[in-house]
């Protein structure tokens, strides 16, 4: 099968993939990337591009900055890819992990780029303000299925009716994240170890994202989302909370509201793209390669390619064509 014949899907990363210097290589090669960053600077009223390229790292790591910075970088790379010759970009589906869902909706022309940038900046602030620093926590658990972690979360809440512990991210088979009150997460970590988890890591995060503790952020963010125009996606976008495509702009808006305090169902989202849409070639559009690793674990036989720098596109195309010529 030629590379052009393989069914494509695009995936967009979320918070945690940021790094100083992201996107700069693409701007040196692509006018489309430069224009995207200029548009982002104008929409936000400050130089998000300078923050992406030069840092400082601690300022880039602030949630209210990280979210628009990642969105700007992902869309700059996406537009640069579309402007590149020599390969037919024709994704059958898109998805984004948490924040990345906004990038996917912009790429699918369901949401204006400027509107999305302003929304995610507000989203970052609201999510940070929802829970005082030190009250919440998150833990990554390796080696237990999501169903088992649901039981672990329930056990951690037992006898503590005012505390939250819930499944936040179903990232890959045997790789799940819990979120909630710090004390409940610490109990869940010990329960998970007793249940046979291979590894449990308390995450260094500023808030318990994608848990019921984010309800205040959801309520306020719903108002901001209601004030922005959404359109029907030109390409199917798989929502985090339902793991199925949103067919209309209104459905896309509703999914973003529910996503804030709902679980990221990434395993099911990737499986939908692979099994229902037939995708066998996944491109991670943004900095980093986290999603590529998850895709390979979820969709057996799928090829996953990350393109944070233009040189990686050149390398992948050269290798793919060499394999094709030898077939």
C-alpha atoms as a PDB file:
ATOM      1  CA  UNK A   1       0.000   0.000   0.000  1.00  0.00           C
ATOM      2  CA  UNK A   2       1.411   3.416  -0.949  1.00  0.00           C
ATOM      3  CA  UNK A   3       1.627   6.148   1.671  1.00  0.00           C
ATOM      4  CA  UNK A   4      -0.962   8.159  -0.218  1.00  0.00           C
ATOM      5  CA  UNK A   5      -3.387   5.252  -0.037  1.00  0.00           C
ATOM      6  CA  UNK A   6      -3.228   4.897   3.743  1.00  0.00           C
ATOM      7  CA  UNK A   7      -6.209   6.408   5.542  1.00  0.00           C
ATOM      8  CA  UNK A   8      -5.123   9.393   7.617  1.00  0.00           C
ATOM      9  CA  UNK A   9      -6.238  10.831  10.939  1.00  0.00           C
ATOM     10  CA  UNK A  10      -4.860  13.918  12.688  1.00  0.00           C
ATOM     11  CA  UNK A  11      -4.456  14.146  16.457  1.00  0.00           C
ATOM     12  CA  UNK A  12      -3.622  17.285  18.440  1.00  0.00           C
ATOM     13  CA  UNK A  13      -1.830  17.269  21.821  1.00  0.00           C
ATOM     14  CA  UNK A  14      -2.929  18.848  25.077  1.00  0.00           C
ATOM     15  CA  UNK A  15      -1.256  20.367  28.089  1.00  0.00           C
ATOM     16  CA  UNK A  16       2.056  18.784  28.982  1.00  0.00           C
ATOM     17  CA  UNK A  17       3.476  18.783  25.443  1.00  0.00           C
ATOM     18  CA  UNK A  18       4.682  22.387  25.605  1.00  0.00           C
ATOM     19  CA  UNK A  19       8.353  23.325  25.443  1.00  0.00           C
ATOM     20  CA  UNK A  20      10.287  26.503  24.781  1.00  0.00           C
ATOM     21  CA  UNK A  21      11.095  26.813  21.081  1.00  0.00           C
ATOM     22  CA  UNK A  22       7.992  25.010  19.854  1.00  0.00           C
ATOM     23  CA  UNK A  23       6.848  25.919  16.367  1.00  0.00           C
ATOM     24  CA  UNK A  24       9.807  28.111  15.537  1.00  0.00           C
ATOM     25  CA  UNK A  25      11.339  25.689  13.054  1.00  0.00           C
ATOM     26  CA  UNK A  26       8.135  25.655  11.027  1.00  0.00           C
ATOM     27  CA  UNK A  27       8.002  29.464  10.889  1.00  0.00           C
ATOM     28  CA  UNK A  28      11.486  29.524   9.407  1.00  0.00           C
ATOM     29  CA  UNK A  29      10.267  27.356   6.548  1.00  0.00           C
ATOM     30  CA  UNK A  30       6.601  28.195   6.115  1.00  0.00           C
ATOM     31  CA  UNK A  31       4.822  31.485   5.498  1.00  0.00           C
ATOM     32  CA  UNK A  32       1.595  29.768   6.571  1.00  0.00           C
ATOM     33  CA  UNK A  33       3.081  29.039  10.004  1.00  0.00           C
ATOM     34  CA  UNK A  34       4.377  32.598  10.366  1.00  0.00           C
ATOM     35  CA  UNK A  35       0.965  33.985   9.486  1.00  0.00           C
ATOM     36  CA  UNK A  36      -0.740  31.703  12.011  1.00  0.00           C
ATOM     37  CA  UNK A  37       1.484  32.915  14.844  1.00  0.00           C
ATOM     38  CA  UNK A  38       0.958  36.541  13.772  1.00  0.00           C
ATOM     39  CA  UNK A  39      -2.789  35.945  13.831  1.00  0.00           C
ATOM     40  CA  UNK A  40      -2.491  34.432  17.316  1.00  0.00           C
ATOM     41  CA  UNK A  41      -0.517  37.423  18.606  1.00  0.00           C
ATOM     42  CA  UNK A  42      -3.153  39.779  17.245  1.00  0.00           C
ATOM     43  CA  UNK A  43      -6.087  37.780  18.648  1.00  0.00           C
ATOM     44  CA  UNK A  44      -4.594  37.615  22.151  1.00  0.00           C
ATOM     45  CA  UNK A  45      -3.188  41.120  22.302  1.00  0.00           C
ATOM     46  CA  UNK A  46       0.308  39.989  23.294  1.00  0.00           C
ATOM     47  CA  UNK A  47       3.155  38.018  21.731  1.00  0.00           C
ATOM     48  CA  UNK A  48       2.273  34.395  22.363  1.00  0.00           C
ATOM     49  CA  UNK A  49       4.762  33.591  19.590  1.00  0.00           C
ATOM     50  CA  UNK A  50       7.662  35.066  21.585  1.00  0.00           C
ATOM     51  CA  UNK A  51       6.559  33.093  24.637  1.00  0.00           C
ATOM     52  CA  UNK A  52       6.477  29.883  22.553  1.00  0.00           C
ATOM     53  CA  UNK A  53       9.887  30.479  21.015  1.00  0.00           C
ATOM     54  CA  UNK A  54      11.839  32.157  23.822  1.00  0.00           C
ATOM     55  CA  UNK A  55       9.996  31.411  27.073  1.00  0.00           C
ATOM     56  CA  UNK A  56      10.740  31.793  29.917  1.00  0.00           C
ATOM     57  CA  UNK A  57       9.747  28.205  30.669  1.00  0.00           C
ATOM     58  CA  UNK A  58       7.993  28.996  33.962  1.00  0.00           C
ATOM     59  CA  UNK A  59       5.784  31.582  32.268  1.00  0.00           C
ATOM     60  CA  UNK A  60       5.023  29.238  29.379  1.00  0.00           C
ATOM     61  CA  UNK A  61       4.045  26.624  31.979  1.00  0.00           C
ATOM     62  CA  UNK A  62       1.301  28.778  33.481  1.00  0.00           C
ATOM     63  CA  UNK A  63      -1.995  27.156  32.479  1.00  0.00           C
ATOM     64  CA  UNK A  64      -3.496  30.366  31.099  1.00  0.00           C
ATOM     65  CA  UNK A  65      -0.470  30.727  28.799  1.00  0.00           C
ATOM     66  CA  UNK A  66       0.158  27.059  28.047  1.00  0.00           C
ATOM     67  CA  UNK A  67      -3.255  26.461  26.533  1.00  0.00           C
ATOM     68  CA  UNK A  68      -3.234  29.243  23.885  1.00  0.00           C
ATOM     69  CA  UNK A  69       0.466  28.594  23.222  1.00  0.00           C
ATOM     70  CA  UNK A  70      -0.186  24.946  22.371  1.00  0.00           C
ATOM     71  CA  UNK A  71      -3.210  25.830  20.264  1.00  0.00           C
ATOM     72  CA  UNK A  72      -1.238  28.454  18.329  1.00  0.00           C
ATOM     73  CA  UNK A  73       1.627  26.036  17.716  1.00  0.00           C
ATOM     74  CA  UNK A  74      -0.609  23.180  16.609  1.00  0.00           C
ATOM     75  CA  UNK A  75      -2.527  25.323  14.138  1.00  0.00           C
ATOM     76  CA  UNK A  76       0.678  26.896  12.805  1.00  0.00           C
ATOM     77  CA  UNK A  77       2.054  23.407  12.117  1.00  0.00           C
ATOM     78  CA  UNK A  78      -1.272  22.243  10.660  1.00  0.00           C
ATOM     79  CA  UNK A  79      -1.416  25.156   8.235  1.00  0.00           C
ATOM     80  CA  UNK A  80       2.218  24.637   7.305  1.00  0.00           C
ATOM     81  CA  UNK A  81       1.515  20.991   6.511  1.00  0.00           C
ATOM     82  CA  UNK A  82      -1.417  21.884   4.283  1.00  0.00           C
ATOM     83  CA  UNK A  83       0.796  24.357   2.404  1.00  0.00           C
ATOM     84  CA  UNK A  84       3.519  21.740   1.836  1.00  0.00           C
ATOM     85  CA  UNK A  85       3.654  20.115  -1.560  1.00  0.00           C
ATOM     86  CA  UNK A  86       4.508  16.534  -2.308  1.00  0.00           C
ATOM     87  CA  UNK A  87       1.924  14.765  -0.165  1.00  0.00           C
ATOM     88  CA  UNK A  88      -1.876  14.701  -0.196  1.00  0.00           C
ATOM     89  CA  UNK A  89      -3.217  15.565   3.260  1.00  0.00           C
ATOM     90  CA  UNK A  90      -6.689  14.096   3.449  1.00  0.00           C
ATOM     91  CA  UNK A  91      -7.677  13.106   7.021  1.00  0.00           C
ATOM     92  CA  UNK A  92     -10.899  11.175   7.513  1.00  0.00           C
ATOM     93  CA  UNK A  93     -11.111  12.156  11.177  1.00  0.00           C
ATOM     94  CA  UNK A  94      -9.498  14.342  13.834  1.00  0.00           C
ATOM     95  CA  UNK A  95      -9.285  14.360  17.601  1.00  0.00           C
ATOM     96  CA  UNK A  96      -7.480  16.327  20.254  1.00  0.00           C
ATOM     97  CA  UNK A  97      -6.492  15.293  23.752  1.00  0.00           C
ATOM     98  CA  UNK A  98      -8.239  17.631  26.218  1.00  0.00           C
ATOM     99  CA  UNK A  99      -7.124  21.130  25.132  1.00  0.00           C
ATOM    100  CA  UNK A 100      -6.227  19.601  21.758  1.00  0.00           C
ATOM    101  CA  UNK A 101      -9.922  19.230  20.958  1.00  0.00           C
ATOM    102  CA  UNK A 102     -10.003  22.992  20.362  1.00  0.00           C
ATOM    103  CA  UNK A 103      -7.142  22.613  17.865  1.00  0.00           C
ATOM    104  CA  UNK A 104      -9.030  19.828  16.095  1.00  0.00           C
ATOM    105  CA  UNK A 105     -12.169  21.956  15.838  1.00  0.00           C
ATOM    106  CA  UNK A 106     -10.195  24.877  14.406  1.00  0.00           C
ATOM    107  CA  UNK A 107      -8.547  22.564  11.870  1.00  0.00           C
ATOM    108  CA  UNK A 108     -11.974  21.161  10.946  1.00  0.00           C
ATOM    109  CA  UNK A 109     -13.270  24.733  10.445  1.00  0.00           C
ATOM    110  CA  UNK A 110     -15.872  24.381  13.187  1.00  0.00           C
ATOM    111  CA  UNK A 111     -14.347  27.150  15.314  1.00  0.00           C
ATOM    112  CA  UNK A 112     -12.599  30.384  14.382  1.00  0.00           C
ATOM    113  CA  UNK A 113      -8.891  30.412  15.288  1.00  0.00           C
ATOM    114  CA  UNK A 114      -9.050  33.763  17.088  1.00  0.00           C
ATOM    115  CA  UNK A 115     -12.141  32.765  19.035  1.00  0.00           C
ATOM    116  CA  UNK A 116     -10.496  29.484  20.039  1.00  0.00           C
ATOM    117  CA  UNK A 117      -7.363  31.249  21.294  1.00  0.00           C
ATOM    118  CA  UNK A 118      -9.361  33.618  23.471  1.00  0.00           C
ATOM    119  CA  UNK A 119     -11.521  30.761  24.737  1.00  0.00           C
ATOM    120  CA  UNK A 120      -8.627  28.556  25.807  1.00  0.00           C
ATOM    121  CA  UNK A 121      -6.918  31.446  27.581  1.00  0.00           C
ATOM    122  CA  UNK A 122     -10.114  31.893  29.618  1.00  0.00           C
ATOM    123  CA  UNK A 123     -10.367  28.118  30.019  1.00  0.00           C
ATOM    124  CA  UNK A 124      -6.896  27.946  31.488  1.00  0.00           C
ATOM    125  CA  UNK A 125      -7.618  30.685  34.007  1.00  0.00           C
ATOM    126  CA  UNK A 126     -10.969  29.204  35.033  1.00  0.00           C
ATOM    127  CA  UNK A 127      -9.581  25.703  35.456  1.00  0.00           C
ATOM    128  CA  UNK A 128      -6.759  27.046  37.610  1.00  0.00           C
ATOM    129  CA  UNK A 129      -9.155  29.125  39.740  1.00  0.00           C
ATOM    130  CA  UNK A 130     -11.675  26.302  40.234  1.00  0.00           C
ATOM    131  CA  UNK A 131      -9.666  24.596  42.993  1.00  0.00           C
ATOM    132  CA  UNK A 132      -7.171  26.238  45.378  1.00  0.00           C
ATOM    133  CA  UNK A 133      -3.573  25.165  44.810  1.00  0.00           C
ATOM    134  CA  UNK A 134      -2.737  22.186  47.014  1.00  0.00           C
ATOM    135  CA  UNK A 135      -6.318  20.987  47.439  1.00  0.00           C
ATOM    136  CA  UNK A 136      -6.499  18.794  44.348  1.00  0.00           C
ATOM    137  CA  UNK A 137      -4.248  16.207  42.800  1.00  0.00           C
ATOM    138  CA  UNK A 138      -3.830  13.717  39.974  1.00  0.00           C
ATOM    139  CA  UNK A 139      -2.153  10.333  39.719  1.00  0.00           C
ATOM    140  CA  UNK A 140      -1.134   8.270  36.701  1.00  0.00           C
ATOM    141  CA  UNK A 141      -1.641   4.530  37.102  1.00  0.00           C
ATOM    142  CA  UNK A 142       0.117   1.973  34.899  1.00  0.00           C
ATOM    143  CA  UNK A 143      -0.956  -1.637  34.678  1.00  0.00           C
ATOM    144  CA  UNK A 144      -4.647  -1.546  35.606  1.00  0.00           C
ATOM    145  CA  UNK A 145      -7.642  -1.254  33.281  1.00  0.00           C
ATOM    146  CA  UNK A 146     -10.033   1.655  33.447  1.00  0.00           C
ATOM    147  CA  UNK A 147     -12.820  -0.481  34.950  1.00  0.00           C
ATOM    148  CA  UNK A 148     -10.561  -1.462  37.822  1.00  0.00           C
ATOM    149  CA  UNK A 149      -9.545   2.164  38.378  1.00  0.00           C
ATOM    150  CA  UNK A 150     -13.231   3.128  38.588  1.00  0.00           C
ATOM    151  CA  UNK A 151     -13.499   0.655  41.465  1.00  0.00           C
ATOM    152  CA  UNK A 152     -10.309   2.031  43.018  1.00  0.00           C
ATOM    153  CA  UNK A 153     -11.694   5.566  42.865  1.00  0.00           C
ATOM    154  CA  UNK A 154     -14.932   4.443  44.529  1.00  0.00           C
ATOM    155  CA  UNK A 155     -12.991   2.703  47.294  1.00  0.00           C
ATOM    156  CA  UNK A 156     -10.880   5.818  47.847  1.00  0.00           C
ATOM    157  CA  UNK A 157     -14.066   7.871  48.293  1.00  0.00           C
ATOM    158  CA  UNK A 158     -15.617   5.346  50.695  1.00  0.00           C
ATOM    159  CA  UNK A 159     -16.052   6.901  54.113  1.00  0.00           C
ATOM    160  CA  UNK A 160     -15.174  10.340  52.728  1.00  0.00           C
ATOM    161  CA  UNK A 161     -18.443  11.587  51.188  1.00  0.00           C
ATOM    162  CA  UNK A 162     -17.160  15.135  50.688  1.00  0.00           C
ATOM    163  CA  UNK A 163     -14.090  14.108  48.710  1.00  0.00           C
ATOM    164  CA  UNK A 164     -13.766  13.548  44.972  1.00  0.00           C
ATOM    165  CA  UNK A 165     -11.761  10.822  43.256  1.00  0.00           C
ATOM    166  CA  UNK A 166     -12.575  10.003  39.648  1.00  0.00           C
ATOM    167  CA  UNK A 167     -11.135   8.661  36.405  1.00  0.00           C
ATOM    168  CA  UNK A 168      -9.892  11.700  34.489  1.00  0.00           C
ATOM    169  CA  UNK A 169      -7.993  10.319  31.485  1.00  0.00           C
ATOM    170  CA  UNK A 170      -8.288   6.925  29.812  1.00  0.00           C
ATOM    171  CA  UNK A 171      -5.096   7.380  27.813  1.00  0.00           C
ATOM    172  CA  UNK A 172      -4.183   3.850  26.700  1.00  0.00           C
ATOM    173  CA  UNK A 173      -4.854   0.270  27.738  1.00  0.00           C
ATOM    174  CA  UNK A 174      -3.384  -0.001  31.210  1.00  0.00           C
ATOM    175  CA  UNK A 175      -2.602   3.724  31.408  1.00  0.00           C
ATOM    176  CA  UNK A 176      -5.184   5.790  33.288  1.00  0.00           C
ATOM    177  CA  UNK A 177      -5.148   9.041  35.258  1.00  0.00           C
ATOM    178  CA  UNK A 178      -7.174   9.734  38.405  1.00  0.00           C
ATOM    179  CA  UNK A 179      -8.080  13.225  39.657  1.00  0.00           C
ATOM    180  CA  UNK A 180      -9.754  14.685  42.727  1.00  0.00           C
ATOM    181  CA  UNK A 181      -8.952  15.838  46.220  1.00  0.00           C
ATOM    182  CA  UNK A 182      -5.286  15.359  47.104  1.00  0.00           C
ATOM    183  CA  UNK A 183      -5.994  13.136  50.091  1.00  0.00           C
ATOM    184  CA  UNK A 184      -8.357  10.925  48.077  1.00  0.00           C
ATOM    185  CA  UNK A 185      -5.786  10.605  45.291  1.00  0.00           C
ATOM    186  CA  UNK A 186      -3.154   9.548  47.818  1.00  0.00           C
ATOM    187  CA  UNK A 187      -5.503   6.850  49.154  1.00  0.00           C
ATOM    188  CA  UNK A 188      -6.305   5.738  45.608  1.00  0.00           C
ATOM    189  CA  UNK A 189      -2.598   5.437  44.847  1.00  0.00           C
ATOM    190  CA  UNK A 190      -2.118   2.994  47.713  1.00  0.00           C
ATOM    191  CA  UNK A 191      -5.238   1.028  46.762  1.00  0.00           C
ATOM    192  CA  UNK A 192      -4.053   0.795  43.155  1.00  0.00           C
ATOM    193  CA  UNK A 193      -0.677  -0.539  44.256  1.00  0.00           C
ATOM    194  CA  UNK A 194      -2.439  -3.155  46.376  1.00  0.00           C
ATOM    195  CA  UNK A 195      -4.538  -4.106  43.337  1.00  0.00           C
ATOM    196  CA  UNK A 196      -1.383  -4.838  41.345  1.00  0.00           C
ATOM    197  CA  UNK A 197      -0.586  -1.604  39.513  1.00  0.00           C
ATOM    198  CA  UNK A 198       2.927  -1.705  38.038  1.00  0.00           C
ATOM    199  CA  UNK A 199       3.520   1.976  38.690  1.00  0.00           C
ATOM    200  CA  UNK A 200       1.633   4.838  40.325  1.00  0.00           C
ATOM    201  CA  UNK A 201       2.901   8.397  39.959  1.00  0.00           C
ATOM    202  CA  UNK A 202       1.499  11.452  41.718  1.00  0.00           C
ATOM    203  CA  UNK A 203       1.559  14.125  39.010  1.00  0.00           C
ATOM    204  CA  UNK A 204       2.996  17.604  39.476  1.00  0.00           C
ATOM    205  CA  UNK A 205      -0.100  19.474  38.298  1.00  0.00           C
ATOM    206  CA  UNK A 206      -1.684  22.694  39.466  1.00  0.00           C
ATOM    207  CA  UNK A 207      -5.279  21.440  39.509  1.00  0.00           C
ATOM    208  CA  UNK A 208      -7.343  18.204  39.319  1.00  0.00           C
ATOM    209  CA  UNK A 209      -8.311  18.504  35.653  1.00  0.00           C
ATOM    210  CA  UNK A 210     -11.220  16.524  34.168  1.00  0.00           C
ATOM    211  CA  UNK A 211     -12.766  15.749  37.534  1.00  0.00           C
ATOM    212  CA  UNK A 212     -16.024  16.893  39.164  1.00  0.00           C
ATOM    213  CA  UNK A 213     -13.961  19.514  41.034  1.00  0.00           C
ATOM    214  CA  UNK A 214     -13.819  21.401  37.740  1.00  0.00           C
ATOM    215  CA  UNK A 215     -17.562  22.059  37.854  1.00  0.00           C
ATOM    216  CA  UNK A 216     -17.142  25.801  38.642  1.00  0.00           C
ATOM    217  CA  UNK A 217     -14.921  26.153  35.578  1.00  0.00           C
ATOM    218  CA  UNK A 218     -17.453  24.275  33.459  1.00  0.00           C
ATOM    219  CA  UNK A 219     -20.299  26.569  34.496  1.00  0.00           C
ATOM    220  CA  UNK A 220     -18.370  29.746  33.729  1.00  0.00           C
ATOM    221  CA  UNK A 221     -16.840  28.378  30.541  1.00  0.00           C
ATOM    222  CA  UNK A 222     -20.304  27.455  29.260  1.00  0.00           C
ATOM    223  CA  UNK A 223     -21.149  31.163  29.184  1.00  0.00           C
ATOM    224  CA  UNK A 224     -18.053  32.006  27.135  1.00  0.00           C
ATOM    225  CA  UNK A 225     -18.662  29.136  24.724  1.00  0.00           C
ATOM    226  CA  UNK A 226     -22.288  30.213  24.261  1.00  0.00           C
ATOM    227  CA  UNK A 227     -21.127  33.636  23.056  1.00  0.00           C
ATOM    228  CA  UNK A 228     -18.993  32.218  20.212  1.00  0.00           C
ATOM    229  CA  UNK A 229     -20.132  30.974  16.798  1.00  0.00           C
ATOM    230  CA  UNK A 230     -19.641  27.290  16.016  1.00  0.00           C
ATOM    231  CA  UNK A 231     -20.046  25.646  12.602  1.00  0.00           C
ATOM    232  CA  UNK A 232     -20.544  22.067  11.502  1.00  0.00           C
ATOM    233  CA  UNK A 233     -17.098  20.412  11.268  1.00  0.00           C
ATOM    234  CA  UNK A 234     -15.811  19.948   7.723  1.00  0.00           C
ATOM    235  CA  UNK A 235     -13.951  16.835   8.910  1.00  0.00           C
ATOM    236  CA  UNK A 236     -15.334  14.557  11.654  1.00  0.00           C
ATOM    237  CA  UNK A 237     -13.960  15.508  15.092  1.00  0.00           C
ATOM    238  CA  UNK A 238     -14.135  12.857  17.804  1.00  0.00           C
ATOM    239  CA  UNK A 239     -15.149  14.392  21.129  1.00  0.00           C
ATOM    240  CA  UNK A 240     -13.276  13.474  24.320  1.00  0.00           C
ATOM    241  CA  UNK A 241     -16.362  12.964  26.439  1.00  0.00           C
ATOM    242  CA  UNK A 242     -18.388  10.790  24.046  1.00  0.00           C
ATOM    243  CA  UNK A 243     -15.660   9.206  21.872  1.00  0.00           C
ATOM    244  CA  UNK A 244     -17.805   9.668  18.761  1.00  0.00           C
ATOM    245  CA  UNK A 245     -17.823  12.400  16.094  1.00  0.00           C
ATOM    246  CA  UNK A 246     -19.643  15.665  16.679  1.00  0.00           C
ATOM    247  CA  UNK A 247     -21.809  16.240  13.612  1.00  0.00           C
ATOM    248  CA  UNK A 248     -22.890  19.829  14.257  1.00  0.00           C
ATOM    249  CA  UNK A 249     -21.483  23.038  15.646  1.00  0.00           C
ATOM    250  CA  UNK A 250     -23.905  22.890  18.552  1.00  0.00           C
ATOM    251  CA  UNK A 251     -22.783  19.377  19.404  1.00  0.00           C
ATOM    252  CA  UNK A 252     -19.163  20.527  19.298  1.00  0.00           C
ATOM    253  CA  UNK A 253     -19.918  23.375  21.688  1.00  0.00           C
ATOM    254  CA  UNK A 254     -21.786  21.091  24.102  1.00  0.00           C
ATOM    255  CA  UNK A 255     -18.944  18.560  24.078  1.00  0.00           C
ATOM    256  CA  UNK A 256     -16.424  21.258  25.008  1.00  0.00           C
ATOM    257  CA  UNK A 257     -18.587  22.302  27.954  1.00  0.00           C
ATOM    258  CA  UNK A 258     -18.892  18.738  29.261  1.00  0.00           C
ATOM    259  CA  UNK A 259     -15.226  18.011  28.597  1.00  0.00           C
ATOM    260  CA  UNK A 260     -14.035  20.325  31.383  1.00  0.00           C
ATOM    261  CA  UNK A 261     -15.217  18.108  34.224  1.00  0.00           C
ATOM    262  CA  UNK A 262     -15.632  14.899  32.215  1.00  0.00           C
ATOM    263  CA  UNK A 263     -13.222  12.073  31.467  1.00  0.00           C
ATOM    264  CA  UNK A 264     -10.961  12.134  28.421  1.00  0.00           C
ATOM    265  CA  UNK A 265     -11.904   8.896  26.652  1.00  0.00           C
ATOM    266  CA  UNK A 266      -8.819   8.743  24.459  1.00  0.00           C
ATOM    267  CA  UNK A 267      -8.689   4.966  24.043  1.00  0.00           C
ATOM    268  CA  UNK A 268     -12.200   4.849  22.615  1.00  0.00           C
ATOM    269  CA  UNK A 269     -11.587   7.953  20.486  1.00  0.00           C
ATOM    270  CA  UNK A 270      -8.557   6.432  18.767  1.00  0.00           C
ATOM    271  CA  UNK A 271     -10.349   3.132  18.329  1.00  0.00           C
ATOM    272  CA  UNK A 272     -13.241   4.900  16.624  1.00  0.00           C
ATOM    273  CA  UNK A 273     -10.864   6.520  14.149  1.00  0.00           C
ATOM    274  CA  UNK A 274      -9.089   3.229  13.484  1.00  0.00           C
ATOM    275  CA  UNK A 275     -12.066   0.888  13.409  1.00  0.00           C
ATOM    276  CA  UNK A 276     -14.964   3.045  12.218  1.00  0.00           C
ATOM    277  CA  UNK A 277     -13.122   5.536   9.986  1.00  0.00           C
ATOM    278  CA  UNK A 278     -10.461   3.023   8.923  1.00  0.00           C
ATOM    279  CA  UNK A 279      -7.481   5.234   9.818  1.00  0.00           C
ATOM    280  CA  UNK A 280      -4.127   3.450   9.743  1.00  0.00           C
ATOM    281  CA  UNK A 281      -1.814   6.486   9.558  1.00  0.00           C
ATOM    282  CA  UNK A 282      -1.973   9.001  12.409  1.00  0.00           C
ATOM    283  CA  UNK A 283      -0.191  12.356  12.393  1.00  0.00           C
ATOM    284  CA  UNK A 284       0.415  14.133  15.696  1.00  0.00           C
ATOM    285  CA  UNK A 285       0.162  17.838  14.863  1.00  0.00           C
ATOM    286  CA  UNK A 286       1.920  19.868  17.534  1.00  0.00           C
ATOM    287  CA  UNK A 287       4.978  19.716  19.772  1.00  0.00           C
ATOM    288  CA  UNK A 288       6.039  16.420  21.277  1.00  0.00           C
ATOM    289  CA  UNK A 289       5.194  12.809  20.525  1.00  0.00           C
ATOM    290  CA  UNK A 290       3.063  11.660  23.479  1.00  0.00           C
ATOM    291  CA  UNK A 291      -0.014  10.922  21.401  1.00  0.00           C
ATOM    292  CA  UNK A 292       1.962   8.844  18.908  1.00  0.00           C
ATOM    293  CA  UNK A 293       2.964   6.510  21.704  1.00  0.00           C
ATOM    294  CA  UNK A 294      -0.630   6.214  22.886  1.00  0.00           C
ATOM    295  CA  UNK A 295      -1.958   5.600  19.359  1.00  0.00           C
ATOM    296  CA  UNK A 296       0.491   2.754  18.793  1.00  0.00           C
ATOM    297  CA  UNK A 297      -0.669   1.087  22.005  1.00  0.00           C
ATOM    298  CA  UNK A 298      -4.356   1.504  21.165  1.00  0.00           C
ATOM    299  CA  UNK A 299      -4.620   0.818  17.420  1.00  0.00           C
ATOM    300  CA  UNK A 300      -2.761  -2.365  16.489  1.00  0.00           C
ATOM    301  CA  UNK A 301      -0.859  -1.989  13.231  1.00  0.00           C
ATOM    302  CA  UNK A 302      -1.350   1.761  12.984  1.00  0.00           C
ATOM    303  CA  UNK A 303       1.541   4.011  11.982  1.00  0.00           C
ATOM    304  CA  UNK A 304       1.897   7.166  14.090  1.00  0.00           C
ATOM    305  CA  UNK A 305       4.101  10.066  12.993  1.00  0.00           C
ATOM    306  CA  UNK A 306       4.940  13.206  14.980  1.00  0.00           C
ATOM    307  CA  UNK A 307       5.903  16.369  13.122  1.00  0.00           C
ATOM    308  CA  UNK A 308       7.035  19.042  15.603  1.00  0.00           C
ATOM    309  CA  UNK A 309       9.841  20.101  13.221  1.00  0.00           C
ATOM    310  CA  UNK A 310       9.820  20.307   9.396  1.00  0.00           C
ATOM    311  CA  UNK A 311      12.927  18.113   9.181  1.00  0.00           C
ATOM    312  CA  UNK A 312      10.891  15.244  10.632  1.00  0.00           C
ATOM    313  CA  UNK A 313       8.380  15.579   7.791  1.00  0.00           C
ATOM    314  CA  UNK A 314      11.203  15.410   5.234  1.00  0.00           C
ATOM    315  CA  UNK A 315      12.704  12.378   6.973  1.00  0.00           C
ATOM    316  CA  UNK A 316       9.383  10.549   7.181  1.00  0.00           C
ATOM    317  CA  UNK A 317       8.503  11.230   3.532  1.00  0.00           C
ATOM    318  CA  UNK A 318      11.929  10.034   2.378  1.00  0.00           C
ATOM    319  CA  UNK A 319      11.701   6.834   4.419  1.00  0.00           C
ATOM    320  CA  UNK A 320       8.119   6.151   3.363  1.00  0.00           C
ATOM    321  CA  UNK A 321       8.936   6.582  -0.326  1.00  0.00           C
ATOM    322  CA  UNK A 322      11.987   4.348  -0.023  1.00  0.00           C
ATOM    323  CA  UNK A 323       9.858   1.598   1.490  1.00  0.00           C
ATOM    324  CA  UNK A 324       7.231   2.163  -1.192  1.00  0.00           C
ATOM    325  CA  UNK A 325       9.779   1.879  -3.993  1.00  0.00           C
ATOM    326  CA  UNK A 326      11.113  -1.395  -2.587  1.00  0.00           C
ATOM    327  CA  UNK A 327       7.647  -2.946  -2.289  1.00  0.00           C
END
